[in-house]
Each structure stands twice: as C-alpha cells, then as structure tokens.
C-alpha cells in the first residue's frame, strides 16, 4: 500500500513507443541472432526460418496471455503477482523466483558477448582472452547497473539509442540481401524454408528450444507497467508490437544468412554470424557497424534483464514475500536501489566464478540453456494462469476462445514440449543451473513462510 512518504515507482515515465523499445531491447534481435543463428542453422539447416516462424506464432499465445493478465493486474511483479492471486502463493513465488534466477544467470551469458565485442573493436588480440573478457564484462555490469539505479527515464533513453541502432543495422542487412546486393545466392531458395515441410518431431524440438531463447525477453514491458502511462493497457500492447517486430527480423535474418553464407562460413562464424553477413554485404570498414550493433544489443538486453530482476524483487519485497529491504526505493530516482546493487554485485560474483570454467563458449552455452529452461517454466505457468482464470469468459465467443484459452494453452504445451525433449540432452552443469536454480528457491520460500508465521504469532500475542 502506497503512502504519501512512499509514492512507489515513478509512474507515467514511459509511453507506448518507449514500451515497444523496451520490449524489442528485451529480446535484443542482434544479440539473439549472434547467440542462436549459427547454432540453429547448424542444427536444423534450411528449416531455421521455419523454426523461428512457428515458434514465434505459437509463442504469441503467451504474449497474449501476458497482455490479458496485465490488464487484470498491472503489477511490477508480473507473473509472480498473477500466479499468486490465481493459483497460490507458492506457485507465484516460484514463478517470480525463476525470473530472478534467470536474470541473474543472464549476467554471465549477456555480458561476456558484450565484452568480447568491445575488445574486438578496440583490442582484437584480447577478444579470446577469458580474463580480459571477464574484466570488461564486469565493467559493463557496473555501468549498466548505475544507469538502471539512476532512473527509468535514463534507462529508456539509453535503450532508444541502442535499439534504434541495432534494429537499423539488422534491417539494412535484410534490405541489401533482398535487393541482390552482395554475392550470388549460395543456397537455392525453397518454400520449405518457411513451411517446415521437412520437420521431424526431434528436429522440431531442437529448433524450438533454440528459438524460444531467441524470442524471450519481450515481457520486460509488463514488469515496467507501474512506470508506464496507462500501464494496464499500454504495457501489454507494447509487448505485442515488440514481439511482432522481432519475429520479422529473426526469421528474415536466418533466411538471408542461408542465402548469402555457405555452411562452412556459418559454422566458422559462430557468435560472429552477424559480422560475417555484414562483411559480405557492406564495404569495409562500415561492416564494423554489425559488431557495434551486437555489442549494444547485448548491453541493452543486459539492462532489461536487470530491470526485470529488480522489479520482480521489488514486488516480492513489497508483499513481504521476500525481505522488505528489496522494496526500498531511492528517494530521488524512485528506483529499487537495494535490488539494483544486489544484482550488480551478484553479476560480478558470477562473472568471477565463470572465469574458472573452461572457455567462454562453454560458459555462454551452459547459461543460455539454463536461462531458456527457466523462461519456459514461468511462461508456461503464466499461459496456464490465463487459460484458467478466463476459462468461462473464453466460452462466450470464438475470438475469446482463441485469445484467452486455445492460443495460450498452445503456448503452454509448446513450453512443456521443449522442456521434456531438451532437458534430458543437457549436461550436468546446465541442469544444475536450470532446474537446480529454481529448486533452490525452496530455501527462501520456507524462510519467508517461517518469518511471516513468526510475525503473525507475535502480533496475535500482543
């Protein structure tokens, strides 16, 4: 409950355009392409565009679920708050906890590529040096943490610059390839690139798991609903537009990469696939714009991850589900400063620990897979909550049935399908980070229940 002395987060700070920008930045098209395109094409070949297209269409069921739930309750805790009220405090807690753990792990998988890109621009000889990359990554964590702590408007202005640049570069590559600029096509175009006629269940599962991570992050818009003008309506609408824009960019880029790059070039490019494509389409040194785009995209996605962490922790602290210290707001900037300091320090700690693992690629791969599992977990819960809460209203018409029940449940099934098919293929590290990260939440959950029980008993005694 807000008071005069505690007015809450800064209301009406973001408009519709800024909400869309935040959603696009949450996905980080250039970063998502760098992290997944080469792996996706290497796994499913020319069916990569179809994997992204079908995943995007199915996942819109979850996007619509978030929109409807946000209109029901515009709360910075988002899935934590909705699942608590619709199902139970325990389910709500673990939904929020999965967001917190996933955001914390992204401090590794998000900052290391940004650091590698920074070194590639300014000191290429150190781009593969793990200690140097870790040090620069720590610097990015501190800088972005300071921006988030300074205020939501500064965070928004930063994202506008980053996102406009990265989307502009990716869109330019698509246009240049579409008009025939660059080398002759390497792979002959076929409608199966988009229809997915060659999919087998196993092949689809592999592509879907990668595509889910590529599309995740749009939901940051609803974590910022209390800071958005007419947040109950605008935040959900912003996520829909952001997801639609990103579907076009990701599907288009994978099709263009197949057209321009050979299989060997795609495999050798790895996380540098955006730069590899730019080198074929843009004269040197202008192709370095792709390196900058990926770097800014990664940093922008890192910022939205910190925003999700702090707003979720803020909402859970405000409800006394976690310690109330996490709900403390800066007097001037109206940001959860304690939660921001926590995620910054946690990010530095995780980076320090990751420096003892073998290889940057291994660290990124394990953390990406773990985060993907945690995203699937709370996306599925939110889709299920939407279908359950609106089950009666969904039977009042065809449109309500599709958007309130059928499509969200399709998204739920999709997320569960990915988990069932892909978790058995993860190595021990990934499973410990992904499943263990959620399971360890039982400790703070039981501690919280014990603390609230003691407080209730003490009040009753008095």
Protein backbone atom coordinates (compact mmCIF):
# COMPACT_ATOMS: atom_id res chain seq x y z
CA UNK A 1 0.00 0.00 0.00
CA UNK A 2 1.46 3.36 -1.04
CA UNK A 3 1.63 6.30 1.32
CA UNK A 4 2.49 9.94 0.91
CA UNK A 5 6.02 9.19 2.05
CA UNK A 6 6.29 6.15 -0.21
CA UNK A 7 4.72 7.01 -3.57
CA UNK A 8 6.12 3.89 -5.25
CA UNK A 9 7.90 3.56 -8.58
CA UNK A 10 7.92 6.62 -10.84
CA UNK A 11 4.53 6.50 -12.52
CA UNK A 12 3.80 7.56 -16.13
CA UNK A 13 7.51 7.66 -17.03
CA UNK A 14 7.19 5.55 -20.20
CA UNK A 15 4.91 5.96 -23.19
CA UNK A 16 3.81 3.44 -25.82
CA UNK A 17 6.85 3.98 -28.03
CA UNK A 18 9.22 3.53 -25.11
CA UNK A 19 7.35 0.39 -24.08
CA UNK A 20 7.85 -1.07 -27.56
CA UNK A 21 11.54 -0.14 -27.48
CA UNK A 22 11.94 -1.83 -24.10
CA UNK A 23 10.27 -4.98 -25.44
CA UNK A 24 12.49 -5.12 -28.53
CA UNK A 25 15.55 -4.42 -26.38
CA UNK A 26 14.49 -7.23 -24.03
CA UNK A 27 14.71 -9.68 -26.92
CA UNK A 28 17.79 -7.97 -28.35
CA UNK A 29 17.49 -9.03 -32.03
CA UNK A 30 21.18 -8.59 -32.85
CA UNK A 31 22.27 -10.37 -29.67
CA UNK A 32 19.71 -13.16 -30.17
CA UNK A 33 20.94 -13.68 -33.73
CA UNK A 34 24.57 -13.74 -32.64
CA UNK A 35 23.80 -16.24 -29.89
CA UNK A 36 21.48 -18.56 -31.82
CA UNK A 37 21.57 -18.19 -35.64
CA UNK A 38 24.68 -20.30 -36.33
CA UNK A 39 23.63 -22.93 -33.79
CA UNK A 40 20.08 -23.04 -35.16
CA UNK A 41 21.17 -23.36 -38.79
CA UNK A 42 23.76 -25.94 -37.80
CA UNK A 43 21.06 -27.95 -36.01
CA UNK A 44 18.12 -27.78 -38.44
CA UNK A 45 19.70 -26.46 -41.65
CA UNK A 46 17.42 -24.66 -44.08
CA UNK A 47 14.50 -25.16 -41.69
CA UNK A 48 15.90 -22.44 -39.39
CA UNK A 49 13.49 -19.73 -40.66
CA UNK A 50 10.55 -22.12 -40.20
CA UNK A 51 11.67 -22.94 -36.64
CA UNK A 52 11.62 -19.26 -35.75
CA UNK A 53 8.38 -18.57 -37.60
CA UNK A 54 6.43 -21.40 -35.97
CA UNK A 55 7.95 -20.71 -32.57
CA UNK A 56 7.04 -17.05 -32.90
CA UNK A 57 3.46 -17.77 -33.90
CA UNK A 58 2.95 -20.29 -31.08
CA UNK A 59 4.62 -18.05 -28.51
CA UNK A 60 2.20 -15.25 -29.32
CA UNK A 61 -0.23 -17.27 -27.23
CA UNK A 62 1.97 -16.50 -24.22
CA UNK A 63 2.31 -12.86 -25.33
CA UNK A 64 -1.48 -12.52 -25.39
CA UNK A 65 -1.71 -14.29 -22.02
CA UNK A 66 0.64 -11.71 -20.50
CA UNK A 67 -1.41 -8.92 -22.07
CA UNK A 68 -4.70 -10.17 -20.59
CA UNK A 69 -3.20 -10.85 -17.17
CA UNK A 70 -1.55 -7.43 -17.17
CA UNK A 71 -4.91 -5.76 -17.84
CA UNK A 72 -6.27 -7.72 -14.91
CA UNK A 73 -3.48 -6.60 -12.54
CA UNK A 74 -0.79 -4.10 -13.60
CA UNK A 75 1.83 -5.12 -11.05
CA UNK A 76 5.62 -4.82 -11.40
CA UNK A 77 5.89 -8.43 -10.21
CA UNK A 78 4.02 -9.58 -13.34
CA UNK A 79 3.90 -13.41 -13.41
CA UNK A 80 4.71 -13.61 -9.68
CA UNK A 81 1.71 -11.45 -8.79
CA UNK A 82 -0.72 -13.05 -11.26
CA UNK A 83 0.08 -16.63 -10.30
CA UNK A 84 -0.11 -15.79 -6.62
CA UNK A 85 -3.65 -14.45 -6.95
CA UNK A 86 -4.91 -17.02 -9.48
CA UNK A 87 -3.29 -20.21 -8.15
CA UNK A 88 -1.39 -19.95 -4.85
CA UNK A 89 1.40 -18.01 -3.09
CA UNK A 90 3.73 -20.99 -3.55
CA UNK A 91 3.28 -21.15 -7.33
CA UNK A 92 3.54 -17.37 -7.57
CA UNK A 93 6.74 -17.40 -5.54
CA UNK A 94 8.46 -19.93 -7.79
CA UNK A 95 7.36 -18.08 -10.92
CA UNK A 96 8.96 -14.92 -9.53
CA UNK A 97 11.99 -16.87 -8.34
CA UNK A 98 12.56 -18.30 -11.84
CA UNK A 99 12.58 -14.74 -13.22
CA UNK A 100 15.11 -13.71 -10.57
CA UNK A 101 17.41 -16.70 -11.16
CA UNK A 102 17.17 -16.41 -14.95
CA UNK A 103 18.02 -12.71 -14.81
CA UNK A 104 20.99 -13.43 -12.55
CA UNK A 105 22.35 -16.12 -14.88
CA UNK A 106 21.97 -13.75 -17.81
CA UNK A 107 24.52 -11.52 -16.12
CA UNK A 108 27.04 -14.06 -17.44
CA UNK A 109 25.55 -15.06 -20.80
CA UNK A 110 24.74 -11.41 -21.57
CA UNK A 111 27.89 -9.61 -20.51
CA UNK A 112 30.55 -11.94 -21.93
CA UNK A 113 29.48 -11.43 -25.60
CA UNK A 114 29.28 -7.66 -25.00
CA UNK A 115 32.79 -7.70 -23.55
CA UNK A 116 34.11 -9.81 -26.43
CA UNK A 117 32.58 -7.36 -28.92
CA UNK A 118 34.12 -4.41 -27.08
CA UNK A 119 37.57 -5.97 -27.25
CA UNK A 120 37.09 -6.86 -30.91
CA UNK A 121 36.56 -3.18 -31.63
CA UNK A 122 39.35 -1.74 -29.51
CA UNK A 123 41.83 -4.57 -28.83
CA UNK A 124 41.18 -7.52 -31.18
CA UNK A 125 44.14 -9.52 -29.89
CA UNK A 126 42.41 -9.91 -26.50
CA UNK A 127 38.95 -10.85 -27.81
CA UNK A 128 39.52 -14.54 -26.97
CA UNK A 129 41.36 -13.94 -23.70
CA UNK A 130 38.99 -15.12 -20.97
CA UNK A 131 40.47 -12.95 -18.22
CA UNK A 132 40.32 -9.81 -20.38
CA UNK A 133 36.76 -10.57 -21.48
CA UNK A 134 35.68 -11.16 -17.87
CA UNK A 135 37.23 -7.87 -16.76
CA UNK A 136 35.47 -5.86 -19.48
CA UNK A 137 32.22 -7.71 -18.73
CA UNK A 138 32.50 -6.64 -15.09
CA UNK A 139 32.88 -3.06 -16.26
CA UNK A 140 29.69 -3.30 -18.32
CA UNK A 141 27.79 -4.73 -15.32
CA UNK A 142 28.80 -1.75 -13.18
CA UNK A 143 27.96 0.81 -15.88
CA UNK A 144 24.52 -0.64 -16.70
CA UNK A 145 23.76 -1.16 -13.01
CA UNK A 146 24.47 2.53 -12.43
CA UNK A 147 22.19 3.55 -15.33
CA UNK A 148 19.31 1.42 -14.02
CA UNK A 149 19.77 2.80 -10.50
CA UNK A 150 19.80 6.38 -11.83
CA UNK A 151 16.23 6.20 -13.10
CA UNK A 152 13.80 4.63 -15.55
CA UNK A 153 13.95 7.62 -17.93
CA UNK A 154 17.73 7.36 -18.29
CA UNK A 155 17.30 3.62 -18.87
CA UNK A 156 14.70 4.39 -21.53
CA UNK A 157 16.83 6.97 -23.33
CA UNK A 158 19.76 4.55 -23.35
CA UNK A 159 17.60 1.82 -24.83
CA UNK A 160 16.24 4.09 -27.56
CA UNK A 161 19.76 4.80 -28.80
CA UNK A 162 20.90 1.18 -28.56
CA UNK A 163 17.76 -0.34 -30.06
CA UNK A 164 17.35 2.08 -32.98
CA UNK A 165 20.96 1.41 -33.98
CA UNK A 166 20.80 -2.39 -33.75
CA UNK A 167 17.42 -2.68 -35.49
CA UNK A 168 18.66 -0.30 -38.18
CA UNK A 169 21.75 -2.41 -38.87
CA UNK A 170 19.83 -5.73 -38.97
CA UNK A 171 17.13 -4.20 -41.20
CA UNK A 172 19.82 -2.79 -43.53
CA UNK A 173 21.34 -6.25 -43.94
CA UNK A 174 17.93 -7.68 -44.82
CA UNK A 175 17.27 -4.95 -47.40
CA UNK A 176 20.71 -5.26 -49.03
CA UNK A 177 20.31 -9.02 -49.39
CA UNK A 178 16.72 -8.69 -50.65
CA UNK A 179 17.70 -6.33 -53.47
CA UNK A 180 20.50 -8.64 -54.59
CA UNK A 181 23.45 -6.67 -53.22
CA UNK A 182 26.42 -8.92 -52.50
CA UNK A 183 27.43 -12.39 -53.77
CA UNK A 184 25.26 -14.80 -55.73
CA UNK A 185 22.91 -16.96 -53.65
CA UNK A 186 24.65 -19.92 -52.03
CA UNK A 187 21.54 -21.93 -51.11
CA UNK A 188 18.70 -22.13 -53.62
CA UNK A 189 15.52 -20.69 -52.14
CA UNK A 190 12.74 -23.14 -51.35
CA UNK A 191 9.29 -22.63 -49.78
CA UNK A 192 10.25 -25.31 -47.22
CA UNK A 193 12.48 -22.68 -45.55
CA UNK A 194 9.24 -21.23 -44.19
CA UNK A 195 6.71 -24.08 -44.39
CA UNK A 196 8.87 -26.52 -42.43
CA UNK A 197 7.77 -29.47 -44.59
CA UNK A 198 10.89 -31.44 -43.68
CA UNK A 199 10.42 -31.31 -39.90
CA UNK A 200 10.52 -34.45 -37.79
CA UNK A 201 9.39 -34.25 -34.12
CA UNK A 202 13.00 -34.48 -32.92
CA UNK A 203 14.24 -31.87 -35.37
CA UNK A 204 11.40 -29.54 -34.48
CA UNK A 205 12.15 -29.92 -30.76
CA UNK A 206 15.79 -28.96 -31.28
CA UNK A 207 14.90 -25.90 -33.32
CA UNK A 208 12.12 -24.89 -30.94
CA UNK A 209 14.41 -24.95 -27.92
CA UNK A 210 16.86 -22.58 -29.60
CA UNK A 211 14.10 -20.38 -30.99
CA UNK A 212 12.46 -19.98 -27.57
CA UNK A 213 15.60 -18.40 -26.16
CA UNK A 214 15.90 -16.16 -29.23
CA UNK A 215 12.37 -14.77 -28.69
CA UNK A 216 12.45 -14.39 -24.91
CA UNK A 217 12.66 -11.02 -23.14
CA UNK A 218 9.67 -9.12 -24.58
CA UNK A 219 7.89 -9.49 -21.22
CA UNK A 220 10.05 -6.79 -19.60
CA UNK A 221 7.33 -4.37 -20.75
CA UNK A 222 4.88 -5.75 -18.16
CA UNK A 223 7.49 -5.58 -15.38
CA UNK A 224 7.56 -1.85 -16.14
CA UNK A 225 3.76 -1.45 -16.14
CA UNK A 226 3.70 0.63 -12.92
CA UNK A 227 6.11 3.07 -14.60
CA UNK A 228 4.16 3.22 -17.90
CA UNK A 229 1.36 5.60 -18.80
CA UNK A 230 -1.89 3.62 -18.63
CA UNK A 231 0.28 0.62 -17.82
CA UNK A 232 -2.58 -1.89 -17.62
CA UNK A 233 -3.24 -1.34 -21.32
CA UNK A 234 -0.07 0.08 -22.89
CA UNK A 235 2.49 -2.35 -21.39
CA UNK A 236 0.73 -5.39 -22.87
CA UNK A 237 0.25 -3.69 -26.22
CA UNK A 238 3.95 -2.77 -26.28
CA UNK A 239 4.95 -6.41 -25.82
CA UNK A 240 2.78 -7.49 -28.76
CA UNK A 241 4.32 -4.95 -31.15
CA UNK A 242 7.84 -5.72 -29.90
CA UNK A 243 7.35 -9.46 -30.42
CA UNK A 244 5.93 -8.92 -33.93
CA UNK A 245 8.85 -6.70 -35.00
CA UNK A 246 11.35 -9.23 -33.71
CA UNK A 247 9.71 -12.19 -35.45
CA UNK A 248 10.21 -10.41 -38.78
CA UNK A 249 13.85 -9.55 -38.02
CA UNK A 250 14.85 -13.00 -36.76
CA UNK A 251 13.09 -15.00 -39.48
CA UNK A 252 14.36 -12.64 -42.18
CA UNK A 253 17.95 -12.71 -40.96
CA UNK A 254 18.14 -16.51 -40.88
CA UNK A 255 16.76 -16.68 -44.42
CA UNK A 256 19.28 -14.08 -45.59
CA UNK A 257 22.15 -15.91 -43.86
CA UNK A 258 21.21 -19.08 -45.71
CA UNK A 259 21.10 -17.17 -48.98
CA UNK A 260 24.46 -15.41 -48.61
CA UNK A 261 26.70 -17.62 -46.43
CA UNK A 262 27.97 -21.13 -47.07
CA UNK A 263 27.53 -23.88 -44.49
CA UNK A 264 31.23 -23.67 -43.64
CA UNK A 265 31.08 -19.88 -43.23
CA UNK A 266 28.07 -20.18 -40.92
CA UNK A 267 29.78 -22.84 -38.80
CA UNK A 268 33.05 -20.91 -38.58
CA UNK A 269 31.26 -17.63 -37.81
CA UNK A 270 29.53 -18.94 -34.69
CA UNK A 271 28.54 -15.98 -32.48
CA UNK A 272 30.07 -13.64 -35.09
CA UNK A 273 27.48 -14.55 -37.74
CA UNK A 274 26.04 -11.02 -37.87
CA UNK A 275 29.52 -9.66 -38.62
CA UNK A 276 30.16 -12.44 -41.16
CA UNK A 277 26.99 -11.47 -43.05
CA UNK A 278 27.86 -7.76 -42.86
CA UNK A 279 31.30 -8.43 -44.37
CA UNK A 280 29.56 -9.88 -47.44
CA UNK A 281 27.08 -7.04 -47.82
CA UNK A 282 28.75 -3.87 -46.51
CA UNK A 283 32.15 -2.50 -47.62
CA UNK A 284 34.92 -2.43 -45.02
CA UNK A 285 35.24 -0.66 -42.54
CA UNK A 286 31.48 0.04 -42.47
CA UNK A 287 30.87 -3.64 -41.73
CA UNK A 288 32.08 -2.92 -38.20
CA UNK A 289 28.62 -1.43 -37.64
CA UNK A 290 27.47 -5.04 -37.16
CA UNK A 291 29.98 -5.55 -34.34
CA UNK A 292 28.74 -2.38 -32.65
CA UNK A 293 25.11 -3.45 -33.16
CA UNK A 294 25.67 -6.81 -31.45
CA UNK A 295 27.59 -5.17 -28.62
CA UNK A 296 24.90 -2.54 -28.00
CA UNK A 297 22.14 -5.14 -28.35
CA UNK A 298 23.80 -7.34 -25.74
CA UNK A 299 24.27 -4.46 -23.34
CA UNK A 300 20.66 -3.36 -23.91
CA UNK A 301 19.38 -6.87 -23.18
CA UNK A 302 21.50 -6.89 -20.04
CA UNK A 303 19.79 -3.69 -18.93
CA UNK A 304 16.30 -5.14 -19.43
CA UNK A 305 17.35 -8.26 -17.53
CA UNK A 306 18.42 -6.08 -14.58
CA UNK A 307 15.10 -4.22 -14.81
CA UNK A 308 13.15 -7.50 -14.65
CA UNK A 309 15.22 -8.70 -11.70
CA UNK A 310 14.82 -5.50 -9.71
CA UNK A 311 11.10 -5.02 -10.41
CA UNK A 312 10.28 -8.63 -9.54
CA UNK A 313 12.35 -8.45 -6.36
CA UNK A 314 10.74 -5.09 -5.55
CA UNK A 315 7.22 -6.52 -5.88
CA UNK A 316 8.04 -9.58 -3.78
CA UNK A 317 9.66 -7.40 -1.11
CA UNK A 318 6.69 -5.04 -1.12
CA UNK A 319 4.41 -8.02 -0.43
CA UNK A 320 6.74 -9.26 2.34
CA UNK A 321 7.23 -12.49 0.39
CA UNK A 322 10.92 -11.62 0.44
CA UNK A 323 12.58 -9.22 2.87
CA UNK A 324 11.10 -5.69 2.68
CA UNK A 325 14.58 -4.26 2.13
CA UNK A 326 14.28 -5.24 -1.53
CA UNK A 327 11.34 -2.86 -1.91
CA UNK A 328 13.37 0.16 -0.80
CA UNK A 329 13.24 2.97 -3.37
CA UNK A 330 15.76 5.75 -3.90
CA UNK A 331 14.25 8.99 -2.63
CA UNK A 332 15.09 10.92 -5.78
CA UNK A 333 15.19 8.38 -8.63
CA UNK A 334 12.31 6.17 -7.38
CA UNK A 335 14.23 3.01 -8.36
CA UNK A 336 14.70 -0.16 -6.25
CA UNK A 337 18.28 0.80 -5.43
CA UNK A 338 18.95 -2.05 -2.98
CA UNK A 339 17.80 -4.66 -5.51
CA UNK A 340 19.91 -2.97 -8.19
CA UNK A 341 23.02 -3.07 -6.01
CA UNK A 342 22.30 -6.73 -5.27
CA UNK A 343 22.07 -7.81 -8.93
CA UNK A 344 25.19 -5.80 -9.76
CA UNK A 345 27.22 -7.49 -7.03
CA UNK A 346 25.73 -10.87 -7.90
CA UNK A 347 26.67 -10.36 -11.54
CA UNK A 348 30.25 -9.55 -10.58
CA UNK A 349 30.40 -12.66 -8.39
CA UNK A 350 29.04 -14.93 -11.14
CA UNK A 351 31.50 -13.48 -13.64
CA UNK A 352 34.34 -14.13 -11.23
CA UNK A 353 33.22 -17.74 -10.76
CA UNK A 354 32.74 -18.25 -14.51
CA UNK A 355 36.35 -17.23 -15.14
CA UNK A 356 37.39 -20.57 -13.61
CA UNK A 357 35.36 -22.57 -16.15
CA UNK A 358 36.96 -23.74 -19.37
CA UNK A 359 36.28 -21.43 -22.25
CA UNK A 360 33.96 -18.50 -22.93
CA UNK A 361 31.88 -20.54 -25.40
CA UNK A 362 31.17 -23.24 -22.79
CA UNK A 363 30.15 -20.69 -20.15
CA UNK A 364 27.77 -18.91 -22.53
CA UNK A 365 26.30 -22.16 -23.85
CA UNK A 366 25.52 -23.56 -20.39
CA UNK A 367 24.00 -20.35 -19.08
CA UNK A 368 21.91 -19.79 -22.24
CA UNK A 369 20.40 -23.29 -22.00
CA UNK A 370 19.69 -22.87 -18.27
CA UNK A 371 18.01 -19.49 -18.79
CA UNK A 372 15.96 -20.98 -21.63
CA UNK A 373 14.57 -23.65 -19.30
CA UNK A 374 13.67 -21.10 -16.62
CA UNK A 375 11.94 -18.91 -19.21
CA UNK A 376 9.90 -21.87 -20.46
CA UNK A 377 8.92 -22.62 -16.85
CA UNK A 378 7.39 -19.25 -15.99
CA UNK A 379 5.99 -18.64 -19.49
CA UNK A 380 4.08 -21.93 -19.23
CA UNK A 381 2.75 -21.05 -15.78
CA UNK A 382 1.54 -17.64 -16.98
CA UNK A 383 -0.18 -19.15 -20.02
CA UNK A 384 -1.89 -21.70 -17.79
CA UNK A 385 -3.00 -18.97 -15.37
CA UNK A 386 -4.57 -17.01 -18.23
CA UNK A 387 -6.46 -20.03 -19.55
CA UNK A 388 -7.70 -20.98 -16.08
CA UNK A 389 -8.76 -17.51 -14.97
CA UNK A 390 -10.59 -16.66 -18.19
CA UNK A 391 -11.96 -20.17 -18.87
CA UNK A 392 -15.62 -19.10 -18.50
CA UNK A 393 -15.22 -15.86 -20.46
CA UNK A 394 -13.45 -17.84 -23.22
CA UNK A 395 -16.65 -19.74 -23.94
CA UNK A 396 -18.62 -16.60 -24.79
CA UNK A 397 -17.31 -16.25 -28.36
CA UNK A 398 -14.83 -17.53 -30.94
CA UNK A 399 -12.38 -14.64 -30.52
CA UNK A 400 -12.39 -15.00 -26.73
CA UNK A 401 -11.87 -18.76 -27.06
CA UNK A 402 -8.83 -18.32 -29.31
CA UNK A 403 -7.08 -15.49 -27.46
CA UNK A 404 -7.99 -16.36 -23.87
CA UNK A 405 -7.83 -20.15 -23.91
CA UNK A 406 -6.72 -22.01 -27.05
CA UNK A 407 -3.69 -19.93 -28.07
CA UNK A 408 -2.29 -19.54 -24.52
CA UNK A 409 -2.69 -23.30 -23.93
CA UNK A 410 -0.87 -23.97 -27.21
CA UNK A 411 1.97 -21.84 -25.87
CA UNK A 412 1.91 -23.79 -22.60
CA UNK A 413 2.13 -27.09 -24.46
CA UNK A 414 4.97 -25.72 -26.56
CA UNK A 415 7.00 -24.72 -23.49
CA UNK A 416 6.40 -28.10 -21.84
CA UNK A 417 7.32 -29.87 -25.08
CA UNK A 418 10.63 -28.04 -25.17
CA UNK A 419 11.41 -28.94 -21.56
CA UNK A 420 10.53 -32.63 -21.95
CA UNK A 421 12.52 -33.02 -25.17
CA UNK A 422 15.57 -30.90 -24.35
CA UNK A 423 16.26 -31.24 -20.61
CA UNK A 424 17.46 -34.89 -20.98
CA UNK A 425 20.03 -33.66 -23.52
CA UNK A 426 21.54 -31.03 -21.19
CA UNK A 427 24.80 -31.72 -19.42
CA UNK A 428 25.10 -31.75 -15.63
CA UNK A 429 26.16 -28.08 -15.38
CA UNK A 430 23.19 -26.89 -17.39
CA UNK A 431 20.71 -28.97 -15.38
CA UNK A 432 22.20 -27.76 -12.09
CA UNK A 433 21.90 -24.15 -13.24
CA UNK A 434 18.47 -24.51 -14.86
CA UNK A 435 16.50 -26.94 -12.72
CA UNK A 436 18.61 -26.55 -9.57
CA UNK A 437 18.37 -22.77 -9.78
CA UNK A 438 14.58 -22.98 -9.49
CA UNK A 439 14.60 -25.80 -6.93
CA UNK A 440 16.92 -23.90 -4.56
CA UNK A 441 14.08 -21.39 -4.23
CA UNK A 442 12.54 -23.72 -1.67
CA UNK A 443 15.03 -22.31 0.86
CA UNK A 444 13.97 -18.63 0.66
CA UNK A 445 10.33 -19.73 0.28
CA UNK A 446 10.37 -21.71 3.55
CA UNK A 447 12.35 -18.97 5.27
CA UNK A 448 9.77 -16.41 4.15
CA UNK A 449 6.87 -18.54 5.40
CA UNK A 450 8.62 -19.02 8.73
CA UNK A 451 9.29 -15.29 9.07
CA UNK A 452 5.68 -14.36 8.28
CA UNK A 453 4.41 -17.04 10.65
CA UNK A 454 6.56 -15.69 13.49
CA UNK A 455 5.33 -12.16 12.77
CA UNK A 456 1.69 -13.31 12.80
CA UNK A 457 2.18 -15.18 16.05
CA UNK A 458 3.91 -12.20 17.64
CA UNK A 459 1.10 -9.84 16.58
CA UNK A 460 -1.54 -12.22 17.93
CA UNK A 461 0.30 -12.44 21.27
CA UNK A 462 0.45 -8.67 21.58
